Amino acid sequence: MSGTKRVKFSVADFVIILMIIACIIGVAMRYDIAEKLFSKTKAEDVRVTFAVSSATDNTNNAFSTGAVFMYGSETFGKLEEADSSPAVQYYENSSGVLTEKKNEGFYDITGTFVCRLVSTDSGYLLDGRTYIAAGSTFTLQCGAVRTTVLITSVGA
């Protein structure tokens, strides 16, 4: 023989190697690394309709066509259109009948944003992380104005 030692692998070595591979796969699955690396999804422009209740005059003025609204540090979307009307509240009168009353100085606003969203099997994602769906609320900012909007439809 030439005097070289042969390296032998035992069952324990094989089990340790399998455990290391399983840990790596587990970490990749936990953080969706594989999906993010190999995903072919791209952001697309999607129309998102919204409603704002009892907005002040200052907030109403911020909802002008073309205004860009921010969600935290990310762009939420560009305002495509908005309609406002005096806010209405309903009160029960002394005979128990609901009566309508205009809430002076406040407005109900409805409209449409054009948002850059990623479409997935389970819905739409804003900035690739935040789910956006009908019924969800977002606190948005446009300049110095900060308001909460209710999403009424996505992709309509």
N, C-alpha and C. Protein backbone atom coordinates (compact mmCIF):
# COMPACT_ATOMS: atom_id res chain seq x y z
N MET A 1 0.82 -1.17 0.00
CA MET A 1 0.00 0.00 0.00
C MET A 1 0.87 1.24 0.00
N SER A 2 0.29 2.32 -0.41
CA SER A 2 1.05 3.54 -0.54
C SER A 2 1.13 4.33 0.75
N GLY A 3 0.46 3.93 1.79
CA GLY A 3 0.56 4.59 3.08
C GLY A 3 -0.43 5.72 3.28
N THR A 4 -1.36 5.92 2.35
CA THR A 4 -2.37 6.97 2.54
C THR A 4 -3.56 6.39 3.29
N LYS A 5 -4.13 7.21 4.15
CA LYS A 5 -5.30 6.78 4.90
C LYS A 5 -6.56 7.06 4.09
N ARG A 6 -7.46 6.14 4.15
CA ARG A 6 -8.74 6.30 3.49
C ARG A 6 -9.73 6.93 4.45
N VAL A 7 -10.45 7.94 3.99
CA VAL A 7 -11.45 8.59 4.83
C VAL A 7 -12.74 7.77 4.73
N LYS A 8 -13.28 7.41 5.90
CA LYS A 8 -14.51 6.63 5.91
C LYS A 8 -15.63 7.50 6.50
N PHE A 9 -16.76 7.47 5.83
CA PHE A 9 -17.94 8.16 6.33
C PHE A 9 -18.81 7.15 7.06
N SER A 10 -19.24 7.56 8.22
CA SER A 10 -20.12 6.68 8.98
C SER A 10 -21.56 7.16 8.82
N VAL A 11 -22.49 6.42 9.37
CA VAL A 11 -23.90 6.78 9.32
C VAL A 11 -24.11 8.11 10.05
N ALA A 12 -23.41 8.34 11.13
CA ALA A 12 -23.54 9.58 11.89
C ALA A 12 -23.14 10.79 11.04
N ASP A 13 -22.09 10.67 10.24
CA ASP A 13 -21.68 11.76 9.35
C ASP A 13 -22.78 12.06 8.33
N PHE A 14 -23.36 11.01 7.78
CA PHE A 14 -24.43 11.16 6.80
C PHE A 14 -25.64 11.86 7.42
N VAL A 15 -26.01 11.49 8.64
CA VAL A 15 -27.15 12.10 9.34
C VAL A 15 -26.87 13.58 9.62
N ILE A 16 -25.67 13.91 10.03
CA ILE A 16 -25.30 15.31 10.29
C ILE A 16 -25.41 16.14 9.02
N ILE A 17 -24.94 15.62 7.91
CA ILE A 17 -25.02 16.34 6.63
C ILE A 17 -26.48 16.55 6.24
N LEU A 18 -27.33 15.54 6.41
CA LEU A 18 -28.75 15.68 6.10
C LEU A 18 -29.42 16.73 6.99
N MET A 19 -29.04 16.78 8.25
CA MET A 19 -29.61 17.77 9.17
C MET A 19 -29.22 19.19 8.77
N ILE A 20 -27.99 19.38 8.34
CA ILE A 20 -27.54 20.70 7.90
C ILE A 20 -28.32 21.13 6.66
N ILE A 21 -28.52 20.22 5.72
CA ILE A 21 -29.28 20.53 4.51
C ILE A 21 -30.73 20.87 4.87
N ALA A 22 -31.32 20.11 5.79
CA ALA A 22 -32.70 20.37 6.22
C ALA A 22 -32.82 21.75 6.88
N CYS A 23 -31.83 22.14 7.65
CA CYS A 23 -31.84 23.47 8.29
C CYS A 23 -31.79 24.58 7.25
N ILE A 24 -30.96 24.42 6.25
CA ILE A 24 -30.85 25.43 5.19
C ILE A 24 -32.17 25.55 4.44
N ILE A 25 -32.80 24.42 4.12
CA ILE A 25 -34.09 24.44 3.43
C ILE A 25 -35.15 25.09 4.32
N GLY A 26 -35.13 24.80 5.61
CA GLY A 26 -36.09 25.39 6.54
C GLY A 26 -35.97 26.90 6.61
N VAL A 27 -34.76 27.40 6.66
CA VAL A 27 -34.54 28.86 6.69
C VAL A 27 -35.03 29.49 5.39
N ALA A 28 -34.73 28.85 4.26
CA ALA A 28 -35.16 29.38 2.97
C ALA A 28 -36.68 29.43 2.88
N MET A 29 -37.35 28.40 3.38
CA MET A 29 -38.82 28.38 3.35
C MET A 29 -39.40 29.41 4.30
N ARG A 30 -38.80 29.56 5.44
CA ARG A 30 -39.30 30.50 6.46
C ARG A 30 -39.29 31.93 5.94
N TYR A 31 -38.28 32.30 5.27
CA TYR A 31 -38.15 33.67 4.78
C TYR A 31 -38.53 33.81 3.31
N ASP A 32 -39.12 32.79 2.72
CA ASP A 32 -39.55 32.81 1.32
C ASP A 32 -38.43 33.26 0.39
N ILE A 33 -37.22 32.87 0.71
CA ILE A 33 -36.07 33.29 -0.09
C ILE A 33 -36.18 32.76 -1.51
N ALA A 34 -36.56 31.50 -1.65
CA ALA A 34 -36.65 30.91 -2.98
C ALA A 34 -37.69 31.64 -3.82
N GLU A 35 -38.82 31.95 -3.24
CA GLU A 35 -39.87 32.64 -3.99
C GLU A 35 -39.42 34.03 -4.42
N LYS A 36 -38.72 34.73 -3.54
CA LYS A 36 -38.25 36.08 -3.87
C LYS A 36 -37.16 36.05 -4.93
N LEU A 37 -36.30 35.04 -4.88
CA LEU A 37 -35.21 34.96 -5.84
C LEU A 37 -35.69 34.56 -7.23
N PHE A 38 -36.65 33.64 -7.28
CA PHE A 38 -37.04 33.07 -8.56
C PHE A 38 -38.43 33.51 -9.02
N SER A 39 -39.01 34.46 -8.34
CA SER A 39 -40.34 34.93 -8.69
C SER A 39 -40.29 35.77 -9.96
N LYS A 40 -41.24 35.52 -10.83
CA LYS A 40 -41.32 36.27 -12.08
C LYS A 40 -42.39 37.37 -12.00
N THR A 41 -42.95 37.58 -10.80
CA THR A 41 -44.01 38.58 -10.67
C THR A 41 -43.44 39.98 -10.79
N LYS A 42 -44.22 40.81 -11.42
CA LYS A 42 -43.84 42.21 -11.57
C LYS A 42 -45.00 43.08 -11.12
N ALA A 43 -44.67 44.25 -10.66
CA ALA A 43 -45.70 45.19 -10.23
C ALA A 43 -46.45 45.71 -11.44
N GLU A 44 -47.75 45.89 -11.27
CA GLU A 44 -48.58 46.41 -12.34
C GLU A 44 -49.48 47.50 -11.77
N ASP A 45 -49.94 48.38 -12.65
CA ASP A 45 -50.86 49.44 -12.22
C ASP A 45 -52.25 48.85 -12.01
N VAL A 46 -52.79 49.06 -10.82
CA VAL A 46 -54.11 48.53 -10.46
C VAL A 46 -54.94 49.67 -9.88
N ARG A 47 -56.21 49.73 -10.27
CA ARG A 47 -57.11 50.74 -9.73
C ARG A 47 -57.67 50.26 -8.39
N VAL A 48 -57.59 51.14 -7.41
CA VAL A 48 -58.06 50.85 -6.05
C VAL A 48 -59.05 51.93 -5.67
N THR A 49 -60.29 51.54 -5.37
CA THR A 49 -61.29 52.53 -4.96
C THR A 49 -61.31 52.62 -3.43
N PHE A 50 -61.68 53.79 -2.94
CA PHE A 50 -61.59 54.04 -1.50
C PHE A 50 -62.73 54.95 -1.04
N ALA A 51 -62.84 55.05 0.28
CA ALA A 51 -63.79 55.97 0.90
C ALA A 51 -63.15 56.57 2.15
N VAL A 52 -63.41 57.85 2.37
CA VAL A 52 -62.96 58.54 3.58
C VAL A 52 -64.20 59.18 4.19
N SER A 53 -64.40 58.97 5.48
CA SER A 53 -65.59 59.52 6.16
C SER A 53 -65.21 60.70 7.04
N SER A 54 -66.05 61.71 7.02
CA SER A 54 -65.92 62.89 7.89
C SER A 54 -64.54 63.53 7.83
N ALA A 55 -64.09 63.80 6.61
CA ALA A 55 -62.80 64.47 6.42
C ALA A 55 -62.95 65.97 6.62
N THR A 56 -61.92 66.59 7.16
CA THR A 56 -61.94 68.04 7.34
C THR A 56 -61.75 68.74 6.00
N ASP A 57 -61.94 70.04 5.99
CA ASP A 57 -61.77 70.82 4.77
C ASP A 57 -60.34 70.71 4.25
N ASN A 58 -59.37 70.74 5.15
CA ASN A 58 -57.96 70.62 4.78
C ASN A 58 -57.68 69.27 4.11
N THR A 59 -58.24 68.20 4.66
CA THR A 59 -58.06 66.87 4.08
C THR A 59 -58.75 66.80 2.73
N ASN A 60 -59.93 67.36 2.62
CA ASN A 60 -60.67 67.35 1.36
C ASN A 60 -59.86 68.04 0.26
N ASN A 61 -59.19 69.13 0.58
CA ASN A 61 -58.38 69.86 -0.40
C ASN A 61 -57.17 69.05 -0.86
N ALA A 62 -56.67 68.14 -0.04
CA ALA A 62 -55.51 67.32 -0.41
C ALA A 62 -55.86 66.29 -1.48
N PHE A 63 -57.14 65.94 -1.59
CA PHE A 63 -57.57 64.94 -2.56
C PHE A 63 -57.82 65.57 -3.92
N SER A 64 -56.73 66.05 -4.54
CA SER A 64 -56.82 66.63 -5.87
C SER A 64 -56.20 65.66 -6.87
N THR A 65 -56.75 65.62 -8.06
CA THR A 65 -56.31 64.68 -9.09
C THR A 65 -54.80 64.81 -9.31
N GLY A 66 -54.13 63.66 -9.32
CA GLY A 66 -52.68 63.62 -9.54
C GLY A 66 -51.86 63.65 -8.27
N ALA A 67 -52.49 63.88 -7.13
CA ALA A 67 -51.75 63.91 -5.85
C ALA A 67 -51.21 62.51 -5.55
N VAL A 68 -50.00 62.47 -5.02
CA VAL A 68 -49.36 61.20 -4.66
C VAL A 68 -49.47 61.00 -3.16
N PHE A 69 -49.99 59.85 -2.77
CA PHE A 69 -50.17 59.53 -1.35
C PHE A 69 -49.14 58.49 -0.93
N MET A 70 -48.65 58.66 0.28
CA MET A 70 -47.60 57.78 0.82
C MET A 70 -48.17 56.90 1.93
N TYR A 71 -47.66 55.67 2.00
CA TYR A 71 -47.98 54.76 3.10
C TYR A 71 -46.65 54.49 3.80
N GLY A 72 -46.42 55.20 4.90
CA GLY A 72 -45.10 55.13 5.54
C GLY A 72 -44.09 55.78 4.62
N SER A 73 -43.04 55.06 4.28
CA SER A 73 -42.02 55.60 3.37
C SER A 73 -42.23 55.14 1.93
N GLU A 74 -43.26 54.34 1.69
CA GLU A 74 -43.54 53.81 0.36
C GLU A 74 -44.65 54.61 -0.32
N THR A 75 -44.59 54.68 -1.64
CA THR A 75 -45.65 55.32 -2.40
C THR A 75 -46.86 54.40 -2.42
N PHE A 76 -48.00 54.90 -1.96
CA PHE A 76 -49.24 54.11 -1.99
C PHE A 76 -49.85 54.16 -3.38
N GLY A 77 -50.01 55.35 -3.91
CA GLY A 77 -50.60 55.49 -5.23
C GLY A 77 -50.84 56.94 -5.60
N LYS A 78 -51.26 57.10 -6.85
CA LYS A 78 -51.55 58.42 -7.39
C LYS A 78 -53.07 58.54 -7.51
N LEU A 79 -53.60 59.66 -7.05
CA LEU A 79 -55.04 59.86 -7.08
C LEU A 79 -55.51 60.09 -8.51
N GLU A 80 -56.38 59.23 -8.98
CA GLU A 80 -56.91 59.35 -10.34
C GLU A 80 -58.16 60.24 -10.36
N GLU A 81 -59.03 60.02 -9.39
CA GLU A 81 -60.23 60.85 -9.30
C GLU A 81 -60.77 60.79 -7.87
N ALA A 82 -61.47 61.84 -7.49
CA ALA A 82 -62.08 61.89 -6.16
C ALA A 82 -63.32 62.77 -6.20
N ASP A 83 -64.35 62.33 -5.52
CA ASP A 83 -65.58 63.10 -5.38
C ASP A 83 -65.84 63.30 -3.89
N SER A 84 -66.26 64.50 -3.54
CA SER A 84 -66.58 64.74 -2.13
C SER A 84 -67.98 65.33 -2.02
N SER A 85 -68.59 65.04 -0.90
CA SER A 85 -69.91 65.58 -0.61
C SER A 85 -69.96 65.88 0.88
N PRO A 86 -70.82 66.80 1.29
CA PRO A 86 -70.91 67.09 2.72
C PRO A 86 -71.20 65.81 3.51
N ALA A 87 -70.51 65.65 4.61
CA ALA A 87 -70.68 64.44 5.43
C ALA A 87 -72.09 64.41 6.00
N VAL A 88 -72.65 63.22 6.02
CA VAL A 88 -74.00 63.03 6.53
C VAL A 88 -73.93 62.12 7.74
N GLN A 89 -74.65 62.50 8.77
CA GLN A 89 -74.77 61.64 9.95
C GLN A 89 -76.24 61.39 10.20
N TYR A 90 -76.53 60.24 10.76
CA TYR A 90 -77.91 59.87 11.05
C TYR A 90 -78.12 59.84 12.56
N TYR A 91 -79.18 60.47 12.99
CA TYR A 91 -79.52 60.54 14.41
C TYR A 91 -80.93 60.00 14.61
N GLU A 92 -81.16 59.44 15.76
CA GLU A 92 -82.50 58.98 16.10
C GLU A 92 -83.22 60.13 16.80
N ASN A 93 -84.36 60.51 16.24
CA ASN A 93 -85.11 61.61 16.86
C ASN A 93 -85.92 61.09 18.05
N SER A 94 -86.69 61.97 18.68
CA SER A 94 -87.42 61.60 19.91
C SER A 94 -88.47 60.52 19.67
N SER A 95 -88.96 60.39 18.42
CA SER A 95 -89.93 59.33 18.15
C SER A 95 -89.27 58.04 17.65
N GLY A 96 -87.94 57.98 17.66
CA GLY A 96 -87.24 56.75 17.29
C GLY A 96 -86.97 56.58 15.81
N VAL A 97 -87.20 57.62 15.02
CA VAL A 97 -86.98 57.56 13.57
C VAL A 97 -85.60 58.14 13.27
N LEU A 98 -84.87 57.45 12.37
CA LEU A 98 -83.56 57.97 11.97
C LEU A 98 -83.74 59.18 11.07
N THR A 99 -83.03 60.24 11.38
CA THR A 99 -83.07 61.45 10.57
C THR A 99 -81.67 61.79 10.10
N GLU A 100 -81.61 62.35 8.92
CA GLU A 100 -80.33 62.70 8.30
C GLU A 100 -79.97 64.13 8.66
N LYS A 101 -78.69 64.34 8.96
CA LYS A 101 -78.22 65.69 9.26
C LYS A 101 -76.87 65.89 8.59
N LYS A 102 -76.73 67.01 7.88
CA LYS A 102 -75.45 67.35 7.26
C LYS A 102 -74.49 67.77 8.35
N ASN A 103 -73.28 67.26 8.29
CA ASN A 103 -72.26 67.58 9.28
C ASN A 103 -71.40 68.70 8.69
N GLU A 104 -71.74 69.93 9.00
CA GLU A 104 -71.08 71.10 8.41
C GLU A 104 -69.57 71.08 8.66
N GLY A 105 -68.81 71.39 7.61
CA GLY A 105 -67.35 71.46 7.74
C GLY A 105 -66.65 70.13 7.56
N PHE A 106 -67.41 69.07 7.34
CA PHE A 106 -66.82 67.75 7.13
C PHE A 106 -67.33 67.17 5.82
N TYR A 107 -66.50 66.30 5.21
CA TYR A 107 -66.82 65.76 3.89
C TYR A 107 -66.62 64.25 3.88
N ASP A 108 -67.47 63.58 3.07
CA ASP A 108 -67.26 62.17 2.74
C ASP A 108 -66.63 62.16 1.35
N ILE A 109 -65.52 61.44 1.21
CA ILE A 109 -64.77 61.43 -0.04
C ILE A 109 -64.72 60.01 -0.57
N THR A 110 -64.98 59.85 -1.86
CA THR A 110 -64.80 58.56 -2.53
C THR A 110 -63.96 58.82 -3.77
N GLY A 111 -63.24 57.81 -4.22
CA GLY A 111 -62.42 58.01 -5.40
C GLY A 111 -61.61 56.79 -5.76
N THR A 112 -60.63 57.01 -6.64
CA THR A 112 -59.81 55.93 -7.17
C THR A 112 -58.35 56.32 -7.16
N PHE A 113 -57.52 55.42 -6.64
CA PHE A 113 -56.07 55.54 -6.74
C PHE A 113 -55.60 54.60 -7.85
N VAL A 114 -54.48 54.94 -8.47
CA VAL A 114 -53.77 53.99 -9.32
C VAL A 114 -52.53 53.60 -8.52
N CYS A 115 -52.48 52.33 -8.13
CA CYS A 115 -51.40 51.83 -7.28
C CYS A 115 -50.55 50.83 -8.05
N ARG A 116 -49.30 50.77 -7.70
CA ARG A 116 -48.36 49.80 -8.27
C ARG A 116 -48.37 48.59 -7.34
N LEU A 117 -49.05 47.50 -7.76
CA LEU A 117 -49.22 46.33 -6.91
C LEU A 117 -48.68 45.08 -7.58
N VAL A 118 -48.31 44.12 -6.75
CA VAL A 118 -47.88 42.80 -7.22
C VAL A 118 -49.05 41.85 -7.02
N SER A 119 -49.45 41.18 -8.09
CA SER A 119 -50.55 40.23 -8.01
C SER A 119 -50.02 38.86 -7.61
N THR A 120 -50.65 38.25 -6.60
CA THR A 120 -50.29 36.90 -6.16
C THR A 120 -51.54 36.04 -6.17
N ASP A 121 -51.37 34.75 -5.91
CA ASP A 121 -52.52 33.84 -5.87
C ASP A 121 -53.49 34.22 -4.77
N SER A 122 -52.99 34.80 -3.70
CA SER A 122 -53.85 35.11 -2.56
C SER A 122 -54.28 36.58 -2.51
N GLY A 123 -53.97 37.36 -3.52
CA GLY A 123 -54.40 38.76 -3.54
C GLY A 123 -53.32 39.69 -4.07
N TYR A 124 -53.44 40.95 -3.72
CA TYR A 124 -52.49 41.98 -4.17
C TYR A 124 -51.59 42.40 -3.02
N LEU A 125 -50.35 42.71 -3.37
CA LEU A 125 -49.38 43.17 -2.39
C LEU A 125 -48.92 44.58 -2.75
N LEU A 126 -48.92 45.44 -1.76
CA LEU A 126 -48.38 46.79 -1.90
C LEU A 126 -46.94 46.72 -1.45
N ASP A 127 -46.02 47.27 -2.21
CA ASP A 127 -44.58 47.25 -1.94
C ASP A 127 -44.03 45.83 -1.73
N GLY A 128 -44.75 44.82 -2.26
CA GLY A 128 -44.28 43.43 -2.18
C GLY A 128 -44.44 42.79 -0.82
N ARG A 129 -44.98 43.52 0.18
CA ARG A 129 -45.07 42.98 1.53
C ARG A 129 -46.45 43.12 2.17
N THR A 130 -47.16 44.19 1.89
CA THR A 130 -48.40 44.51 2.59
C THR A 130 -49.60 44.12 1.73
N TYR A 131 -50.47 43.24 2.27
CA TYR A 131 -51.67 42.86 1.54
C TYR A 131 -52.65 44.02 1.50
N ILE A 132 -53.28 44.17 0.35
CA ILE A 132 -54.29 45.21 0.18
C ILE A 132 -55.52 44.53 -0.39
N ALA A 133 -56.64 44.72 0.28
CA ALA A 133 -57.89 44.09 -0.13
C ALA A 133 -59.06 44.97 0.28
N ALA A 134 -60.22 44.70 -0.31
CA ALA A 134 -61.43 45.43 0.07
C ALA A 134 -61.69 45.23 1.55
N GLY A 135 -62.01 46.32 2.23
CA GLY A 135 -62.28 46.26 3.66
C GLY A 135 -61.09 46.63 4.53
N SER A 136 -59.90 46.69 3.94
CA SER A 136 -58.73 47.06 4.73
C SER A 136 -58.62 48.58 4.82
N THR A 137 -57.97 49.05 5.87
CA THR A 137 -57.78 50.49 6.06
C THR A 137 -56.29 50.81 6.07
N PHE A 138 -55.97 51.97 5.55
CA PHE A 138 -54.59 52.44 5.50
C PHE A 138 -54.55 53.90 5.94
N THR A 139 -53.54 54.25 6.72
CA THR A 139 -53.31 55.64 7.08
C THR A 139 -52.31 56.20 6.07
N LEU A 140 -52.78 57.13 5.27
CA LEU A 140 -51.97 57.68 4.17
C LEU A 140 -51.62 59.13 4.45
N GLN A 141 -50.56 59.58 3.78
CA GLN A 141 -50.12 60.96 3.94
C GLN A 141 -49.91 61.57 2.57
N CYS A 142 -50.36 62.82 2.45
CA CYS A 142 -50.13 63.61 1.24
C CYS A 142 -49.71 64.99 1.72
N GLY A 143 -48.43 65.28 1.61
CA GLY A 143 -47.92 66.53 2.17
C GLY A 143 -48.06 66.51 3.67
N ALA A 144 -48.70 67.53 4.23
CA ALA A 144 -48.88 67.60 5.69
C ALA A 144 -50.17 66.93 6.15
N VAL A 145 -50.98 66.47 5.21
CA VAL A 145 -52.27 65.88 5.54
C VAL A 145 -52.12 64.37 5.73
N ARG A 146 -52.67 63.90 6.84
CA ARG A 146 -52.65 62.47 7.15
C ARG A 146 -54.08 62.02 7.40
N THR A 147 -54.52 60.95 6.71
CA THR A 147 -55.90 60.49 6.86
C THR A 147 -55.98 58.98 6.71
N THR A 148 -57.06 58.42 7.21
CA THR A 148 -57.29 56.98 7.10
C THR A 148 -58.32 56.73 6.00
N VAL A 149 -57.97 55.84 5.06
CA VAL A 149 -58.88 55.50 3.97
C VAL A 149 -59.33 54.05 4.11
N LEU A 150 -60.56 53.79 3.71
CA LEU A 150 -61.11 52.45 3.67
C LEU A 150 -61.10 51.99 2.22
N ILE A 151 -60.47 50.86 1.94
CA ILE A 151 -60.41 50.33 0.58
C ILE A 151 -61.74 49.65 0.29
N THR A 152 -62.41 50.04 -0.81
CA THR A 152 -63.70 49.44 -1.14
C THR A 152 -63.60 48.40 -2.25
N SER A 153 -62.60 48.50 -3.12
CA SER A 153 -62.36 47.46 -4.12
C SER A 153 -60.95 47.58 -4.66
N VAL A 154 -60.43 46.46 -5.12
CA VAL A 154 -59.08 46.42 -5.71
C VAL A 154 -59.19 45.75 -7.07
N GLY A 155 -58.64 46.41 -8.08
CA GLY A 155 -58.64 45.83 -9.41
C GLY A 155 -59.94 46.05 -10.16
N ALA A 156 -60.74 46.98 -9.73
CA ALA A 156 -62.03 47.22 -10.39
C ALA A 156 -61.87 48.20 -11.53
